[in-house]
Amino acid sequence: MMKKLFVPALSVMTISVMACNNGSSTASKDSTAVSADSNTQATAAPVTDSAQNVLSDAEKSEGWVLLFNGQNLDGWHIYKGKPSNSWVAENGELHCLGSEKDKSDKRADLTTNDTFENFEFQTDWKLAPKGNSGIIYLASEDEDAAYLSGPEYQLIDDDNFPEKLEDWQKTGANYAMGAPLVKAAKPIGEWNHTRIVVNKGHVEHWLNGQKTADYQIGSPEWKKAKAEGKWKDAKKYGETKKGHIDLQDHGSEVWFKNVKIKQL
């Protein structure tokens, strides 16, 4: 996530998205668009292309749950019920449509209905060229934007983004809090596999099997990074103990599939 940056986007067909009054999502009749403690690699391997958005029997027995059914946005809503036309479910993927303008009244994040405290989250994703997005977790809907409440796993085109990036803005980083431990993203346009582990405030980011972040919420190091960086005036940042998973709409095209979670 890079706030206040202009992101050129690809031209795509707009499909309306609306959020229900109760915060849940509904699909139209003619479209899938809606108004809305581990140091080892993941035990749940990425699903092969021949079996997308499904769980194996082993995964089910381990407690994994799909957050995206591959067909519609059931279980999700637009952040804070804002009007949005930027998210669709198509071709077995969650697709955030690009926009010619980064800021728009019709753009907003996609957020899980459920909240989670201690969990392992996994997804596959890819970005369009020069793209910018993120996965925000432990997010609250008490703020104007999800990133003001929860930490963010950064997704961005490290090599081709049109503005100079700080290390803490690069893919896999704990955004605005620390640079990624390694560079592990695949070339733009290819699918990446992300894993986020949150357990009693201890957080790990994994990207394509490599650890890119490891930190403890509330530790002296964490507090120092917050006090000296982007979130120094965001009083509620990192305060949510149980929160939503939020997929960021930053004006760029981004795709997600095989979105799953296991509570710890």
Protein backbone atom coordinates (compact mmCIF):
# COMPACT_ATOMS: atom_id res chain seq x y z
CA MET A 1 0.00 0.00 0.00
CA MET A 2 1.22 3.45 -0.84
CA LYS A 3 -1.15 6.16 0.13
CA LYS A 4 -1.49 9.33 -1.94
CA LEU A 5 0.22 7.81 -4.96
CA PHE A 6 -1.28 7.87 -8.43
CA VAL A 7 -1.52 4.43 -9.99
CA PRO A 8 -2.11 4.12 -13.71
CA ALA A 9 -4.60 1.34 -14.26
CA LEU A 10 -5.69 -0.93 -17.03
CA SER A 11 -8.93 -0.33 -18.85
CA VAL A 12 -11.56 -2.87 -17.84
CA MET A 13 -15.30 -3.25 -18.00
CA THR A 14 -17.04 -1.82 -14.95
CA ILE A 15 -19.43 -4.07 -13.06
CA SER A 16 -21.50 -2.61 -10.24
CA VAL A 17 -20.80 -3.59 -6.66
CA MET A 18 -23.09 -2.72 -3.78
CA ALA A 19 -23.02 -3.58 -0.10
CA CYS A 20 -26.11 -4.76 1.76
CA ASN A 21 -27.44 -2.81 4.71
CA ASN A 22 -26.39 -5.54 7.09
CA GLY A 23 -22.84 -5.59 5.75
CA SER A 24 -23.16 -8.84 3.77
CA SER A 25 -22.83 -9.24 0.01
CA THR A 26 -25.30 -10.34 -2.66
CA ALA A 27 -24.76 -11.38 -6.27
CA SER A 28 -26.96 -10.18 -9.14
CA LYS A 29 -28.85 -12.67 -11.29
CA ASP A 30 -26.78 -11.92 -14.37
CA SER A 31 -23.34 -11.41 -12.86
CA THR A 32 -21.06 -12.58 -10.07
CA ALA A 33 -20.36 -8.99 -9.12
CA VAL A 34 -21.70 -7.99 -5.73
CA SER A 35 -22.61 -4.86 -3.99
CA ALA A 36 -20.50 -6.10 -2.03
CA ASP A 37 3.81 -19.66 16.30
CA SER A 38 5.33 -21.00 13.31
CA ASN A 39 8.80 -20.92 11.74
CA THR A 40 8.06 -23.60 9.18
CA GLN A 41 6.42 -23.41 5.83
CA ALA A 42 2.69 -23.81 5.48
CA THR A 43 1.21 -27.26 5.99
CA ALA A 44 -1.54 -26.43 3.50
CA ALA A 45 0.12 -26.33 0.09
CA PRO A 46 -1.18 -24.10 -2.72
CA VAL A 47 -3.99 -25.73 -4.67
CA THR A 48 -3.10 -26.77 -8.21
CA ASP A 49 -4.65 -25.06 -11.22
CA SER A 50 -6.92 -28.05 -11.77
CA ALA A 51 -8.57 -27.66 -8.36
CA GLN A 52 -9.03 -24.03 -7.45
CA ASN A 53 -10.86 -22.72 -4.39
CA VAL A 54 -11.36 -26.14 -2.83
CA LEU A 55 -10.04 -27.78 0.32
CA SER A 56 -8.51 -31.23 0.48
CA ASP A 57 -9.75 -33.71 3.05
CA ALA A 58 -6.49 -33.19 4.95
CA GLU A 59 -7.03 -29.42 5.03
CA LYS A 60 -10.58 -29.84 6.26
CA SER A 61 -9.41 -32.14 9.05
CA GLU A 62 -6.80 -29.52 10.04
CA GLY A 63 -9.49 -26.86 10.37
CA TRP A 64 -9.02 -24.87 7.18
CA VAL A 65 -12.00 -22.88 5.90
CA LEU A 66 -12.40 -21.24 2.50
CA LEU A 67 -13.05 -17.51 2.63
CA PHE A 68 -13.83 -17.36 -1.11
CA ASN A 69 -16.06 -19.96 -2.73
CA GLY A 70 -14.84 -19.20 -6.27
CA GLN A 71 -18.28 -18.11 -7.48
CA ASN A 72 -19.45 -15.00 -5.68
CA LEU A 73 -18.58 -12.73 -2.78
CA ASP A 74 -20.62 -14.46 -0.11
CA GLY A 75 -18.90 -13.87 3.23
CA TRP A 76 -17.50 -10.51 2.16
CA HIS A 77 -18.71 -6.92 2.10
CA ILE A 78 -17.42 -3.55 1.00
CA TYR A 79 -15.56 -1.81 3.83
CA LYS A 80 -18.01 0.08 6.05
CA GLY A 81 -20.76 -0.52 3.49
CA LYS A 82 -19.42 2.11 1.11
CA PRO A 83 -20.80 2.17 -2.44
CA SER A 84 -18.31 0.49 -4.77
CA ASN A 85 -18.14 -0.87 -8.30
CA SER A 86 -14.59 -2.18 -8.14
CA TRP A 87 -14.85 -5.83 -7.01
CA VAL A 88 -16.15 -8.83 -8.95
CA ALA A 89 -15.93 -12.61 -8.68
CA GLU A 90 -15.10 -14.07 -12.08
CA ASN A 91 -13.18 -17.03 -13.50
CA GLY A 92 -12.78 -18.42 -9.99
CA GLU A 93 -10.97 -15.29 -8.84
CA LEU A 94 -11.62 -12.21 -6.75
CA HIS A 95 -10.83 -9.38 -9.12
CA CYS A 96 -10.33 -5.75 -8.15
CA LEU A 97 -10.95 -3.73 -11.30
CA GLY A 98 -8.45 -1.06 -12.21
CA SER A 99 -9.37 2.59 -12.38
CA GLU A 100 -8.12 5.60 -14.29
CA LYS A 101 -8.15 7.47 -11.00
CA ASP A 102 -6.73 6.25 -7.69
CA LYS A 103 -9.26 8.20 -5.65
CA SER A 104 -12.92 7.62 -6.42
CA ASP A 105 -16.23 7.65 -4.60
CA LYS A 106 -16.93 4.23 -6.09
CA ARG A 107 -13.75 2.51 -4.86
CA ALA A 108 -13.38 0.70 -1.53
CA ASP A 109 -11.72 -2.32 0.11
CA LEU A 110 -13.28 -5.77 0.27
CA THR A 111 -13.64 -7.05 3.84
CA THR A 112 -14.55 -10.37 5.44
CA ASN A 113 -17.81 -10.48 7.36
CA ASP A 114 -16.08 -12.53 10.07
CA THR A 115 -13.30 -11.44 12.40
CA PHE A 116 -10.26 -13.45 13.47
CA GLU A 117 -7.79 -13.29 16.37
CA ASN A 118 -5.21 -16.09 16.15
CA PHE A 119 -5.01 -17.62 12.69
CA GLU A 120 -3.08 -18.74 9.65
CA PHE A 121 -4.22 -17.12 6.42
CA GLN A 122 -3.25 -18.11 2.89
CA THR A 123 -4.01 -16.88 -0.60
CA ASP A 124 -2.65 -16.80 -4.14
CA TRP A 125 -2.52 -13.39 -5.85
CA LYS A 126 -1.18 -11.50 -8.82
CA LEU A 127 -0.89 -7.83 -9.76
CA ALA A 128 -1.15 -5.87 -12.98
CA PRO A 129 1.98 -3.95 -14.08
CA LYS A 130 2.74 -0.95 -11.84
CA GLY A 131 0.08 -2.26 -9.45
CA ASN A 132 -0.35 -1.54 -5.75
CA SER A 133 -2.51 -3.30 -3.17
CA GLY A 134 -2.29 -5.01 0.21
CA ILE A 135 -3.78 -7.49 2.64
CA ILE A 136 -4.78 -5.83 5.91
CA TYR A 137 -5.47 -8.04 8.92
CA LEU A 138 -6.78 -7.43 12.43
CA ALA A 139 -8.70 -4.61 10.77
CA SER A 140 -11.43 -2.59 12.41
CA GLU A 141 -14.28 -0.77 10.70
CA ASP A 142 -14.16 2.00 13.30
CA GLU A 143 -11.68 3.99 11.17
CA ASP A 144 -12.10 5.79 7.87
CA ALA A 145 -9.76 3.26 6.26
CA ALA A 146 -8.78 -0.28 7.25
CA TYR A 147 -5.04 0.49 7.09
CA LEU A 148 -5.41 2.93 9.99
CA SER A 149 -6.29 0.04 12.30
CA GLY A 150 -4.59 -3.16 11.18
CA PRO A 151 -1.13 -4.15 9.94
CA GLU A 152 -0.69 -4.60 6.20
CA TYR A 153 1.04 -7.23 4.11
CA GLN A 154 2.23 -5.12 1.20
CA LEU A 155 1.59 -6.08 -2.45
CA ILE A 156 3.21 -3.87 -5.11
CA ASP A 157 5.14 -3.96 -8.37
CA ASP A 158 8.59 -3.55 -6.77
CA ASP A 159 10.46 -3.14 -10.05
CA ASN A 160 8.14 -1.03 -12.19
CA PHE A 161 6.12 1.15 -9.83
CA PRO A 162 6.15 4.71 -11.22
CA GLU A 163 7.46 6.29 -8.02
CA LYS A 164 10.52 5.53 -5.93
CA LEU A 165 9.80 2.97 -3.22
CA GLU A 166 11.22 2.86 0.28
CA ASP A 167 12.21 -0.62 1.44
CA TRP A 168 9.25 -0.73 3.84
CA GLN A 169 6.93 -0.25 0.86
CA LYS A 170 8.02 -3.39 -0.98
CA THR A 171 6.17 -6.67 -1.42
CA GLY A 172 5.91 -8.85 1.67
CA ALA A 173 6.79 -6.02 4.04
CA ASN A 174 4.97 -5.15 7.22
CA TYR A 175 3.95 -1.94 5.47
CA ALA A 176 5.44 1.24 6.92
CA MET A 177 6.85 -0.72 9.87
CA GLY A 178 9.73 -2.75 8.43
CA ALA A 179 11.36 -3.80 5.17
CA PRO A 180 10.88 -7.34 3.89
CA LEU A 181 13.55 -9.78 5.12
CA VAL A 182 14.05 -11.11 1.57
CA LYS A 183 12.87 -10.32 -1.93
CA ALA A 184 10.60 -13.20 -2.87
CA ALA A 185 7.95 -11.91 -5.30
CA LYS A 186 7.60 -13.51 -8.73
CA PRO A 187 7.58 -11.39 -11.89
CA ILE A 188 4.49 -9.25 -12.37
CA GLY A 189 1.63 -11.18 -13.94
CA GLU A 190 2.61 -14.47 -12.27
CA TRP A 191 0.77 -15.94 -9.30
CA ASN A 192 2.33 -15.58 -5.84
CA HIS A 193 1.50 -17.53 -2.68
CA THR A 194 1.12 -15.59 0.56
CA ARG A 195 0.89 -16.88 4.10
CA ILE A 196 0.21 -14.74 7.19
CA VAL A 197 0.42 -16.20 10.71
CA VAL A 198 -0.92 -14.28 13.70
CA ASN A 199 -0.68 -15.97 17.10
CA LYS A 200 -0.97 -14.02 20.36
CA GLY A 201 0.48 -10.91 18.75
CA HIS A 202 3.37 -12.71 17.06
CA VAL A 203 3.16 -12.19 13.30
CA GLU A 204 4.91 -13.79 10.35
CA HIS A 205 4.67 -12.92 6.66
CA TRP A 206 5.61 -15.60 4.12
CA LEU A 207 5.89 -15.16 0.35
CA ASN A 208 6.42 -18.08 -2.01
CA GLY A 209 7.84 -20.15 0.84
CA GLN A 210 10.20 -17.48 2.19
CA LYS A 211 9.70 -15.51 5.41
CA THR A 212 9.53 -11.78 4.71
CA ALA A 213 8.47 -10.41 8.12
CA ASP A 214 8.59 -11.55 11.75
CA TYR A 215 7.48 -9.25 14.56
CA GLN A 216 5.60 -8.98 17.85
CA ILE A 217 2.79 -6.45 18.12
CA GLY A 218 3.41 -4.24 21.15
CA SER A 219 7.10 -5.07 21.53
CA PRO A 220 9.57 -2.23 22.20
CA GLU A 221 10.81 -2.49 18.61
CA TRP A 222 7.25 -2.36 17.25
CA LYS A 223 6.36 0.63 19.41
CA LYS A 224 9.48 2.46 18.25
CA ALA A 225 8.69 1.83 14.59
CA LYS A 226 5.15 3.08 15.08
CA ALA A 227 6.19 6.20 17.01
CA GLU A 228 8.79 7.20 14.43
CA GLY A 229 6.96 6.32 11.22
CA LYS A 230 3.80 6.69 9.19
CA TRP A 231 1.47 5.56 11.98
CA LYS A 232 2.67 7.92 14.72
CA ASP A 233 -0.65 9.81 14.64
CA ALA A 234 -2.86 6.75 14.02
CA LYS A 235 -3.81 6.16 17.64
CA LYS A 236 -5.73 2.94 17.04
CA TYR A 237 -3.21 1.33 14.68
CA GLY A 238 -2.36 -2.17 15.95
CA GLU A 239 -4.87 -1.98 18.79
CA THR A 240 -7.45 -4.41 17.36
CA LYS A 241 -7.06 -7.84 18.93
CA LYS A 242 -9.67 -9.55 16.77
CA GLY A 243 -10.36 -8.11 13.35
CA HIS A 244 -11.29 -8.51 9.72
CA ILE A 245 -9.20 -9.60 6.75
CA ASP A 246 -9.29 -6.71 4.28
CA LEU A 247 -8.24 -6.75 0.62
CA GLN A 248 -7.16 -3.29 -0.41
CA ASP A 249 -8.51 -1.41 -3.39
CA HIS A 250 -5.77 1.07 -4.27
CA GLY A 251 -6.94 1.74 -7.82
CA SER A 252 -4.92 -1.12 -9.35
CA GLU A 253 -5.96 -4.41 -10.87
CA VAL A 254 -5.27 -7.31 -8.51
CA TRP A 255 -6.53 -10.88 -8.42
CA PHE A 256 -6.92 -13.33 -5.50
CA LYS A 257 -7.84 -17.04 -5.36
CA ASN A 258 -7.55 -19.96 -2.95
CA VAL A 259 -8.30 -17.65 -0.04
CA LYS A 260 -8.40 -19.72 3.14
CA ILE A 261 -7.93 -19.44 6.89
CA LYS A 262 -7.32 -21.73 9.86
CA GLN A 263 -7.97 -20.49 13.36
CA LEU A 264 -5.23 -21.28 15.87
